Amino acid sequence: MGLINWIFDLYQHSRIEDLHRQAESARAEAFALRNTGGASGAAGSAALERAIGELALAVKTVQRLAVQKGLCTAAEFQQTMEQIDREDGRADGMTRWR
């Protein structure tokens, strides 16, 4: 492996780790909002929407990186996502996360 490839891989791994940390942070924030009832009114809704948006961005980024790096195809990702969706007994676009 050449030096450029090694540097690029190091950069990609650091980005993936950053995204994992961001996703974990968003998940923890969503969990806290869910378990404490969150803030009331519009502030609570805005915080929850922000947490969900951040989590969605992190997941979409990881998905794109997986496809770009050749870990899977977009079709394989979609197929696996649909399989995981059905694991809770319902094909509803969601899964139990706790």
PDB file of N, CA and C in Angstrom:
ATOM      1  N   MET A   1       0.850  -1.167   0.000  1.00  0.00           N
ATOM      2  CA  MET A   1       0.000   0.000   0.000  1.00  0.00           C
ATOM      3  C   MET A   1       0.901   1.236   0.000  1.00  0.00           C
ATOM      4  N   GLY A   2       0.624   2.159  -0.902  1.00  0.00           N
ATOM      5  CA  GLY A   2       1.410   3.371  -0.984  1.00  0.00           C
ATOM      6  C   GLY A   2       1.088   4.326   0.145  1.00  0.00           C
ATOM      7  N   LEU A   3       1.950   5.296   0.315  1.00  0.00           N
ATOM      8  CA  LEU A   3       1.786   6.277   1.376  1.00  0.00           C
ATOM      9  C   LEU A   3       0.482   7.057   1.216  1.00  0.00           C
ATOM     10  N   ILE A   4       0.146   7.437  -0.013  1.00  0.00           N
ATOM     11  CA  ILE A   4      -1.086   8.195  -0.257  1.00  0.00           C
ATOM     12  C   ILE A   4      -2.303   7.362   0.143  1.00  0.00           C
ATOM     13  N   ASN A   5      -2.310   6.080  -0.254  1.00  0.00           N
ATOM     14  CA  ASN A   5      -3.437   5.207   0.114  1.00  0.00           C
ATOM     15  C   ASN A   5      -3.525   5.047   1.627  1.00  0.00           C
ATOM     16  N   TRP A   6      -2.398   4.909   2.284  1.00  0.00           N
ATOM     17  CA  TRP A   6      -2.379   4.772   3.738  1.00  0.00           C
ATOM     18  C   TRP A   6      -2.945   6.026   4.400  1.00  0.00           C
ATOM     19  N   ILE A   7      -2.536   7.200   3.929  1.00  0.00           N
ATOM     20  CA  ILE A   7      -3.031   8.461   4.484  1.00  0.00           C
ATOM     21  C   ILE A   7      -4.537   8.580   4.252  1.00  0.00           C
ATOM     22  N   PHE A   8      -4.982   8.231   3.039  1.00  0.00           N
ATOM     23  CA  PHE A   8      -6.411   8.298   2.728  1.00  0.00           C
ATOM     24  C   PHE A   8      -7.198   7.341   3.625  1.00  0.00           C
ATOM     25  N   ASP A   9      -6.703   6.118   3.796  1.00  0.00           N
ATOM     26  CA  ASP A   9      -7.384   5.157   4.662  1.00  0.00           C
ATOM     27  C   ASP A   9      -7.436   5.661   6.102  1.00  0.00           C
ATOM     28  N   LEU A  10      -6.348   6.246   6.564  1.00  0.00           N
ATOM     29  CA  LEU A  10      -6.311   6.801   7.914  1.00  0.00           C
ATOM     30  C   LEU A  10      -7.352   7.904   8.053  1.00  0.00           C
ATOM     31  N   TYR A  11      -7.434   8.765   7.038  1.00  0.00           N
ATOM     32  CA  TYR A  11      -8.422   9.838   7.054  1.00  0.00           C
ATOM     33  C   TYR A  11      -9.837   9.266   7.068  1.00  0.00           C
ATOM     34  N   GLN A  12     -10.106   8.277   6.225  1.00  0.00           N
ATOM     35  CA  GLN A  12     -11.438   7.670   6.158  1.00  0.00           C
ATOM     36  C   GLN A  12     -11.804   7.021   7.489  1.00  0.00           C
ATOM     37  N   HIS A  13     -10.859   6.333   8.098  1.00  0.00           N
ATOM     38  CA  HIS A  13     -11.135   5.702   9.386  1.00  0.00           C
ATOM     39  C   HIS A  13     -11.427   6.752  10.455  1.00  0.00           C
ATOM     40  N   SER A  14     -10.719   7.861  10.424  1.00  0.00           N
ATOM     41  CA  SER A  14     -10.983   8.901  11.414  1.00  0.00           C
ATOM     42  C   SER A  14     -12.347   9.524  11.183  1.00  0.00           C
ATOM     43  N   ARG A  15     -12.752   9.693   9.927  1.00  0.00           N
ATOM     44  CA  ARG A  15     -14.088  10.223   9.615  1.00  0.00           C
ATOM     45  C   ARG A  15     -15.171   9.248  10.081  1.00  0.00           C
ATOM     46  N   ILE A  16     -14.968   7.973   9.837  1.00  0.00           N
ATOM     47  CA  ILE A  16     -15.941   6.969  10.258  1.00  0.00           C
ATOM     48  C   ILE A  16     -16.078   6.984  11.778  1.00  0.00           C
ATOM     49  N   GLU A  17     -14.962   7.075  12.492  1.00  0.00           N
ATOM     50  CA  GLU A  17     -15.010   7.147  13.948  1.00  0.00           C
ATOM     51  C   GLU A  17     -15.739   8.405  14.405  1.00  0.00           C
ATOM     52  N   ASP A  18     -15.490   9.536  13.742  1.00  0.00           N
ATOM     53  CA  ASP A  18     -16.202  10.774  14.069  1.00  0.00           C
ATOM     54  C   ASP A  18     -17.707  10.590  13.875  1.00  0.00           C
ATOM     55  N   LEU A  19     -18.084   9.952  12.788  1.00  0.00           N
ATOM     56  CA  LEU A  19     -19.503   9.728  12.513  1.00  0.00           C
ATOM     57  C   LEU A  19     -20.127   8.781  13.532  1.00  0.00           C
ATOM     58  N   HIS A  20     -19.373   7.778  13.952  1.00  0.00           N
ATOM     59  CA  HIS A  20     -19.875   6.885  15.000  1.00  0.00           C
ATOM     60  C   HIS A  20     -20.114   7.673  16.288  1.00  0.00           C
ATOM     61  N   ARG A  21     -19.187   8.551  16.639  1.00  0.00           N
ATOM     62  CA  ARG A  21     -19.352   9.367  17.840  1.00  0.00           C
ATOM     63  C   ARG A  21     -20.561  10.291  17.714  1.00  0.00           C
ATOM     64  N   GLN A  22     -20.738  10.892  16.533  1.00  0.00           N
ATOM     65  CA  GLN A  22     -21.889  11.768  16.319  1.00  0.00           C
ATOM     66  C   GLN A  22     -23.194  10.992  16.411  1.00  0.00           C
ATOM     67  N   ALA A  23     -23.218   9.803  15.833  1.00  0.00           N
ATOM     68  CA  ALA A  23     -24.424   8.980  15.888  1.00  0.00           C
ATOM     69  C   ALA A  23     -24.719   8.586  17.334  1.00  0.00           C
ATOM     70  N   GLU A  24     -23.706   8.212  18.078  1.00  0.00           N
ATOM     71  CA  GLU A  24     -23.894   7.844  19.478  1.00  0.00           C
ATOM     72  C   GLU A  24     -24.409   9.031  20.282  1.00  0.00           C
ATOM     73  N   SER A  25     -23.872  10.205  20.013  1.00  0.00           N
ATOM     74  CA  SER A  25     -24.323  11.408  20.699  1.00  0.00           C
ATOM     75  C   SER A  25     -25.789  11.700  20.386  1.00  0.00           C
ATOM     76  N   ALA A  26     -26.161  11.578  19.112  1.00  0.00           N
ATOM     77  CA  ALA A  26     -27.553  11.815  18.722  1.00  0.00           C
ATOM     78  C   ALA A  26     -28.471  10.778  19.354  1.00  0.00           C
ATOM     79  N   ARG A  27     -28.011   9.531  19.393  1.00  0.00           N
ATOM     80  CA  ARG A  27     -28.815   8.480  20.006  1.00  0.00           C
ATOM     81  C   ARG A  27     -28.991   8.740  21.499  1.00  0.00           C
ATOM     82  N   ALA A  28     -27.916   9.152  22.171  1.00  0.00           N
ATOM     83  CA  ALA A  28     -28.012   9.445  23.605  1.00  0.00           C
ATOM     84  C   ALA A  28     -28.947  10.621  23.851  1.00  0.00           C
ATOM     85  N   GLU A  29     -28.880  11.622  22.990  1.00  0.00           N
ATOM     86  CA  GLU A  29     -29.766  12.777  23.137  1.00  0.00           C
ATOM     87  C   GLU A  29     -31.226  12.365  22.934  1.00  0.00           C
ATOM     88  N   ALA A  30     -31.483  11.547  21.931  1.00  0.00           N
ATOM     89  CA  ALA A  30     -32.849  11.070  21.683  1.00  0.00           C
ATOM     90  C   ALA A  30     -33.334  10.225  22.860  1.00  0.00           C
ATOM     91  N   PHE A  31     -32.452   9.383  23.394  1.00  0.00           N
ATOM     92  CA  PHE A  31     -32.805   8.546  24.545  1.00  0.00           C
ATOM     93  C   PHE A  31     -33.158   9.422  25.745  1.00  0.00           C
ATOM     94  N   ALA A  32     -32.352  10.459  25.975  1.00  0.00           N
ATOM     95  CA  ALA A  32     -32.613  11.365  27.093  1.00  0.00           C
ATOM     96  C   ALA A  32     -33.943  12.086  26.907  1.00  0.00           C
ATOM     97  N   LEU A  33     -34.203  12.532  25.701  1.00  0.00           N
ATOM     98  CA  LEU A  33     -35.476  13.198  25.440  1.00  0.00           C
ATOM     99  C   LEU A  33     -36.646  12.253  25.656  1.00  0.00           C
ATOM    100  N   ARG A  34     -36.467  11.027  25.238  1.00  0.00           N
ATOM    101  CA  ARG A  34     -37.547  10.042  25.364  1.00  0.00           C
ATOM    102  C   ARG A  34     -37.813   9.697  26.820  1.00  0.00           C
ATOM    103  N   ASN A  35     -36.763   9.533  27.610  1.00  0.00           N
ATOM    104  CA  ASN A  35     -36.921   9.081  28.987  1.00  0.00           C
ATOM    105  C   ASN A  35     -37.255  10.195  29.963  1.00  0.00           C
ATOM    106  N   THR A  36     -36.954  11.433  29.630  1.00  0.00           N
ATOM    107  CA  THR A  36     -37.264  12.527  30.538  1.00  0.00           C
ATOM    108  C   THR A  36     -38.493  13.289  30.086  1.00  0.00           C
ATOM    109  N   GLY A  37     -39.052  12.884  28.973  1.00  0.00           N
ATOM    110  CA  GLY A  37     -40.192  13.612  28.457  1.00  0.00           C
ATOM    111  C   GLY A  37     -39.767  14.809  27.632  1.00  0.00           C
ATOM    112  N   GLY A  38     -38.463  15.087  27.603  1.00  0.00           N
ATOM    113  CA  GLY A  38     -37.954  16.199  26.813  1.00  0.00           C
ATOM    114  C   GLY A  38     -38.450  17.524  27.335  1.00  0.00           C
ATOM    115  N   ALA A  39     -38.091  18.553  26.642  1.00  0.00           N
ATOM    116  CA  ALA A  39     -38.596  19.881  26.975  1.00  0.00           C
ATOM    117  C   ALA A  39     -40.043  19.957  26.502  1.00  0.00           C
ATOM    118  N   SER A  40     -40.779  20.862  27.044  1.00  0.00           N
ATOM    119  CA  SER A  40     -42.181  20.950  26.647  1.00  0.00           C
ATOM    120  C   SER A  40     -42.345  21.866  25.447  1.00  0.00           C
ATOM    121  N   GLY A  41     -43.422  21.642  24.712  1.00  0.00           N
ATOM    122  CA  GLY A  41     -43.807  22.527  23.630  1.00  0.00           C
ATOM    123  C   GLY A  41     -42.877  22.493  22.435  1.00  0.00           C
ATOM    124  N   ALA A  42     -42.767  23.656  21.786  1.00  0.00           N
ATOM    125  CA  ALA A  42     -41.997  23.774  20.548  1.00  0.00           C
ATOM    126  C   ALA A  42     -40.519  23.507  20.763  1.00  0.00           C
ATOM    127  N   ALA A  43     -39.987  23.876  21.925  1.00  0.00           N
ATOM    128  CA  ALA A  43     -38.562  23.644  22.188  1.00  0.00           C
ATOM    129  C   ALA A  43     -38.262  22.151  22.211  1.00  0.00           C
ATOM    130  N   GLY A  44     -39.144  21.361  22.826  1.00  0.00           N
ATOM    131  CA  GLY A  44     -38.958  19.918  22.866  1.00  0.00           C
ATOM    132  C   GLY A  44     -39.059  19.302  21.492  1.00  0.00           C
ATOM    133  N   SER A  45     -40.018  19.749  20.700  1.00  0.00           N
ATOM    134  CA  SER A  45     -40.175  19.247  19.335  1.00  0.00           C
ATOM    135  C   SER A  45     -38.961  19.592  18.488  1.00  0.00           C
ATOM    136  N   ALA A  46     -38.466  20.808  18.622  1.00  0.00           N
ATOM    137  CA  ALA A  46     -37.304  21.237  17.845  1.00  0.00           C
ATOM    138  C   ALA A  46     -36.072  20.421  18.225  1.00  0.00           C
ATOM    139  N   ALA A  47     -35.893  20.162  19.524  1.00  0.00           N
ATOM    140  CA  ALA A  47     -34.736  19.381  19.968  1.00  0.00           C
ATOM    141  C   ALA A  47     -34.828  17.953  19.456  1.00  0.00           C
ATOM    142  N   LEU A  48     -36.029  17.379  19.506  1.00  0.00           N
ATOM    143  CA  LEU A  48     -36.213  16.017  19.019  1.00  0.00           C
ATOM    144  C   LEU A  48     -36.000  15.946  17.503  1.00  0.00           C
ATOM    145  N   GLU A  49     -36.533  16.905  16.772  1.00  0.00           N
ATOM    146  CA  GLU A  49     -36.326  16.943  15.320  1.00  0.00           C
ATOM    147  C   GLU A  49     -34.845  17.082  14.985  1.00  0.00           C
ATOM    148  N   ARG A  50     -34.139  17.902  15.740  1.00  0.00           N
ATOM    149  CA  ARG A  50     -32.702  18.079  15.500  1.00  0.00           C
ATOM    150  C   ARG A  50     -31.951  16.765  15.752  1.00  0.00           C
ATOM    151  N   ALA A  51     -32.283  16.087  16.859  1.00  0.00           N
ATOM    152  CA  ALA A  51     -31.623  14.824  17.183  1.00  0.00           C
ATOM    153  C   ALA A  51     -31.883  13.784  16.093  1.00  0.00           C
ATOM    154  N   ILE A  52     -33.115  13.703  15.641  1.00  0.00           N
ATOM    155  CA  ILE A  52     -33.458  12.750  14.586  1.00  0.00           C
ATOM    156  C   ILE A  52     -32.747  13.121  13.288  1.00  0.00           C
ATOM    157  N   GLY A  53     -32.705  14.404  12.977  1.00  0.00           N
ATOM    158  CA  GLY A  53     -32.018  14.856  11.763  1.00  0.00           C
ATOM    159  C   GLY A  53     -30.529  14.550  11.792  1.00  0.00           C
ATOM    160  N   GLU A  54     -29.902  14.754  12.943  1.00  0.00           N
ATOM    161  CA  GLU A  54     -28.477  14.448  13.077  1.00  0.00           C
ATOM    162  C   GLU A  54     -28.225  12.953  12.928  1.00  0.00           C
ATOM    163  N   LEU A  55     -29.077  12.153  13.528  1.00  0.00           N
ATOM    164  CA  LEU A  55     -28.934  10.709  13.422  1.00  0.00           C
ATOM    165  C   LEU A  55     -29.137  10.250  11.980  1.00  0.00           C
ATOM    166  N   ALA A  56     -30.142  10.803  11.314  1.00  0.00           N
ATOM    167  CA  ALA A  56     -30.396  10.455   9.913  1.00  0.00           C
ATOM    168  C   ALA A  56     -29.203  10.839   9.035  1.00  0.00           C
ATOM    169  N   LEU A  57     -28.610  11.997   9.295  1.00  0.00           N
ATOM    170  CA  LEU A  57     -27.435  12.426   8.532  1.00  0.00           C
ATOM    171  C   LEU A  57     -26.269  11.471   8.756  1.00  0.00           C
ATOM    172  N   ALA A  58     -26.039  11.072  10.000  1.00  0.00           N
ATOM    173  CA  ALA A  58     -24.933  10.158  10.300  1.00  0.00           C
ATOM    174  C   ALA A  58     -25.137   8.815   9.613  1.00  0.00           C
ATOM    175  N   VAL A  59     -26.364   8.300   9.653  1.00  0.00           N
ATOM    176  CA  VAL A  59     -26.646   7.004   9.028  1.00  0.00           C
ATOM    177  C   VAL A  59     -26.472   7.091   7.516  1.00  0.00           C
ATOM    178  N   LYS A  60     -26.981   8.148   6.914  1.00  0.00           N
ATOM    179  CA  LYS A  60     -26.853   8.313   5.461  1.00  0.00           C
ATOM    180  C   LYS A  60     -25.373   8.440   5.066  1.00  0.00           C
ATOM    181  N   THR A  61     -24.587   9.111   5.881  1.00  0.00           N
ATOM    182  CA  THR A  61     -23.156   9.260   5.606  1.00  0.00           C
ATOM    183  C   THR A  61     -22.448   7.918   5.685  1.00  0.00           C
ATOM    184  N   VAL A  62     -22.747   7.131   6.710  1.00  0.00           N
ATOM    185  CA  VAL A  62     -22.141   5.805   6.843  1.00  0.00           C
ATOM    186  C   VAL A  62     -22.558   4.915   5.677  1.00  0.00           C
ATOM    187  N   GLN A  63     -23.823   5.008   5.284  1.00  0.00           N
ATOM    188  CA  GLN A  63     -24.308   4.227   4.137  1.00  0.00           C
ATOM    189  C   GLN A  63     -23.531   4.601   2.876  1.00  0.00           C
ATOM    190  N   ARG A  64     -23.399   5.879   2.628  1.00  0.00           N
ATOM    191  CA  ARG A  64     -22.695   6.324   1.419  1.00  0.00           C
ATOM    192  C   ARG A  64     -21.230   5.897   1.442  1.00  0.00           C
ATOM    193  N   LEU A  65     -20.578   6.024   2.601  1.00  0.00           N
ATOM    194  CA  LEU A  65     -19.184   5.591   2.710  1.00  0.00           C
ATOM    195  C   LEU A  65     -19.053   4.092   2.453  1.00  0.00           C
ATOM    196  N   ALA A  66     -19.982   3.302   2.977  1.00  0.00           N
ATOM    197  CA  ALA A  66     -19.931   1.853   2.776  1.00  0.00           C
ATOM    198  C   ALA A  66     -20.025   1.514   1.298  1.00  0.00           C
ATOM    199  N   VAL A  67     -20.903   2.182   0.572  1.00  0.00           N
ATOM    200  CA  VAL A  67     -21.051   1.931  -0.862  1.00  0.00           C
ATOM    201  C   VAL A  67     -19.826   2.439  -1.615  1.00  0.00           C
ATOM    202  N   GLN A  68     -19.370   3.659  -1.301  1.00  0.00           N
ATOM    203  CA  GLN A  68     -18.218   4.235  -1.996  1.00  0.00           C
ATOM    204  C   GLN A  68     -16.947   3.427  -1.773  1.00  0.00           C
ATOM    205  N   LYS A  69     -16.780   2.877  -0.594  1.00  0.00           N
ATOM    206  CA  LYS A  69     -15.575   2.102  -0.296  1.00  0.00           C
ATOM    207  C   LYS A  69     -15.704   0.651  -0.754  1.00  0.00           C
ATOM    208  N   GLY A  70     -16.847   0.297  -1.341  1.00  0.00           N
ATOM    209  CA  GLY A  70     -17.026  -1.032  -1.895  1.00  0.00           C
ATOM    210  C   GLY A  70     -17.344  -2.095  -0.854  1.00  0.00           C
ATOM    211  N   LEU A  71     -17.771  -1.683   0.327  1.00  0.00           N
ATOM    212  CA  LEU A  71     -18.132  -2.660   1.352  1.00  0.00           C
ATOM    213  C   LEU A  71     -19.429  -3.380   0.988  1.00  0.00           C
ATOM    214  N   CYS A  72     -20.304  -2.692   0.263  1.00  0.00           N
ATOM    215  CA  CYS A  72     -21.549  -3.277  -0.210  1.00  0.00           C
ATOM    216  C   CYS A  72     -22.083  -2.407  -1.340  1.00  0.00           C
ATOM    217  N   THR A  73     -23.068  -2.918  -2.055  1.00  0.00           N
ATOM    218  CA  THR A  73     -23.729  -2.105  -3.075  1.00  0.00           C
ATOM    219  C   THR A  73     -24.930  -1.431  -2.425  1.00  0.00           C
ATOM    220  N   ALA A  74     -25.472  -0.437  -3.107  1.00  0.00           N
ATOM    221  CA  ALA A  74     -26.665   0.232  -2.589  1.00  0.00           C
ATOM    222  C   ALA A  74     -27.817  -0.768  -2.471  1.00  0.00           C
ATOM    223  N   ALA A  75     -27.910  -1.683  -3.436  1.00  0.00           N
ATOM    224  CA  ALA A  75     -28.979  -2.696  -3.402  1.00  0.00           C
ATOM    225  C   ALA A  75     -28.805  -3.639  -2.216  1.00  0.00           C
ATOM    226  N   GLU A  76     -27.567  -4.045  -1.934  1.00  0.00           N
ATOM    227  CA  GLU A  76     -27.311  -4.917  -0.781  1.00  0.00           C
ATOM    228  C   GLU A  76     -27.655  -4.194   0.523  1.00  0.00           C
ATOM    229  N   PHE A  77     -27.309  -2.926   0.595  1.00  0.00           N
ATOM    230  CA  PHE A  77     -27.624  -2.142   1.787  1.00  0.00           C
ATOM    231  C   PHE A  77     -29.135  -2.094   1.986  1.00  0.00           C
ATOM    232  N   GLN A  78     -29.861  -1.796   0.905  1.00  0.00           N
ATOM    233  CA  GLN A  78     -31.322  -1.714   0.964  1.00  0.00           C
ATOM    234  C   GLN A  78     -31.929  -3.053   1.365  1.00  0.00           C
ATOM    235  N   GLN A  79     -31.436  -4.133   0.777  1.00  0.00           N
ATOM    236  CA  GLN A  79     -31.952  -5.468   1.078  1.00  0.00           C
ATOM    237  C   GLN A  79     -31.729  -5.806   2.555  1.00  0.00           C
ATOM    238  N   THR A  80     -30.546  -5.499   3.070  1.00  0.00           N
ATOM    239  CA  THR A  80     -30.243  -5.781   4.477  1.00  0.00           C
ATOM    240  C   THR A  80     -31.095  -4.913   5.392  1.00  0.00           C
ATOM    241  N   MET A  81     -31.294  -3.655   5.010  1.00  0.00           N
ATOM    242  CA  MET A  81     -32.123  -2.768   5.808  1.00  0.00           C
ATOM    243  C   MET A  81     -33.561  -3.298   5.879  1.00  0.00           C
ATOM    244  N   GLU A  82     -34.081  -3.773   4.755  1.00  0.00           N
ATOM    245  CA  GLU A  82     -35.432  -4.338   4.744  1.00  0.00           C
ATOM    246  C   GLU A  82     -35.505  -5.608   5.592  1.00  0.00           C
ATOM    247  N   GLN A  83     -34.458  -6.413   5.553  1.00  0.00           N
ATOM    248  CA  GLN A  83     -34.406  -7.636   6.364  1.00  0.00           C
ATOM    249  C   GLN A  83     -34.424  -7.276   7.851  1.00  0.00           C
ATOM    250  N   ILE A  84     -33.617  -6.312   8.238  1.00  0.00           N
ATOM    251  CA  ILE A  84     -33.568  -5.880   9.639  1.00  0.00           C
ATOM    252  C   ILE A  84     -34.908  -5.286  10.053  1.00  0.00           C
ATOM    253  N   ASP A  85     -35.550  -4.557   9.144  1.00  0.00           N
ATOM    254  CA  ASP A  85     -36.854  -3.969   9.425  1.00  0.00           C
ATOM    255  C   ASP A  85     -37.866  -5.045   9.813  1.00  0.00           C
ATOM    256  N   ARG A  86     -37.806  -6.179   9.151  1.00  0.00           N
ATOM    257  CA  ARG A  86     -38.772  -7.259   9.401  1.00  0.00           C
ATOM    258  C   ARG A  86     -38.453  -8.062  10.663  1.00  0.00           C
ATOM    259  N   GLU A  87     -37.271  -7.888  11.242  1.00  0.00           N
ATOM    260  CA  GLU A  87     -36.880  -8.680  12.407  1.00  0.00           C
ATOM    261  C   GLU A  87     -37.762  -8.444  13.624  1.00  0.00           C
ATOM    262  N   ASP A  88     -38.390  -7.279  13.713  1.00  0.00           N
ATOM    263  CA  ASP A  88     -39.267  -7.019  14.860  1.00  0.00           C
ATOM    264  C   ASP A  88     -40.711  -7.439  14.590  1.00  0.00           C
ATOM    265  N   GLY A  89     -40.917  -8.131  13.457  1.00  0.00           N
ATOM    266  CA  GLY A  89     -42.237  -8.647  13.140  1.00  0.00           C
ATOM    267  C   GLY A  89     -43.092  -7.724  12.297  1.00  0.00           C
ATOM    268  N   ARG A  90     -42.583  -6.528  11.986  1.00  0.00           N
ATOM    269  CA  ARG A  90     -43.338  -5.574  11.178  1.00  0.00           C
ATOM    270  C   ARG A  90     -42.427  -4.940  10.146  1.00  0.00           C
ATOM    271  N   ALA A  91     -42.892  -4.872   8.910  1.00  0.00           N
ATOM    272  CA  ALA A  91     -42.162  -4.171   7.855  1.00  0.00           C
ATOM    273  C   ALA A  91     -42.725  -2.759   7.780  1.00  0.00           C
ATOM    274  N   ASP A  92     -42.251  -1.900   8.689  1.00  0.00           N
ATOM    275  CA  ASP A  92     -42.821  -0.555   8.801  1.00  0.00           C
ATOM    276  C   ASP A  92     -41.792   0.562   8.645  1.00  0.00           C
ATOM    277  N   GLY A  93     -40.581   0.211   8.225  1.00  0.00           N
ATOM    278  CA  GLY A  93     -39.548   1.235   8.040  1.00  0.00           C
ATOM    279  C   GLY A  93     -38.874   1.660   9.327  1.00  0.00           C
ATOM    280  N   MET A  94     -39.141   0.928  10.400  1.00  0.00           N
ATOM    281  CA  MET A  94     -38.542   1.250  11.690  1.00  0.00           C
ATOM    282  C   MET A  94     -38.118  -0.046  12.369  1.00  0.00           C
ATOM    283  N   THR A  95     -37.275   0.077  13.378  1.00  0.00           N
ATOM    284  CA  THR A  95     -36.900  -1.071  14.181  1.00  0.00           C
ATOM    285  C   THR A  95     -36.840  -0.642  15.634  1.00  0.00           C
ATOM    286  N   ARG A  96     -37.007  -1.585  16.516  1.00  0.00           N
ATOM    287  CA  ARG A  96     -36.851  -1.243  17.937  1.00  0.00           C
ATOM    288  C   ARG A  96     -35.387  -0.935  18.180  1.00  0.00           C
ATOM    289  N   TRP A  97     -35.086   0.157  18.805  1.00  0.00           N
ATOM    290  CA  TRP A  97     -33.690   0.576  18.984  1.00  0.00           C
ATOM    291  C   TRP A  97     -33.216   0.459  20.407  1.00  0.00           C
ATOM    292  N   ARG A  98     -34.000  -0.070  21.269  1.00  0.00           N
ATOM    293  CA  ARG A  98     -33.514  -0.246  22.642  1.00  0.00           C
ATOM    294  C   ARG A  98     -33.578  -1.670  23.025  1.00  0.00           C
TER     295      ARG A  98
END
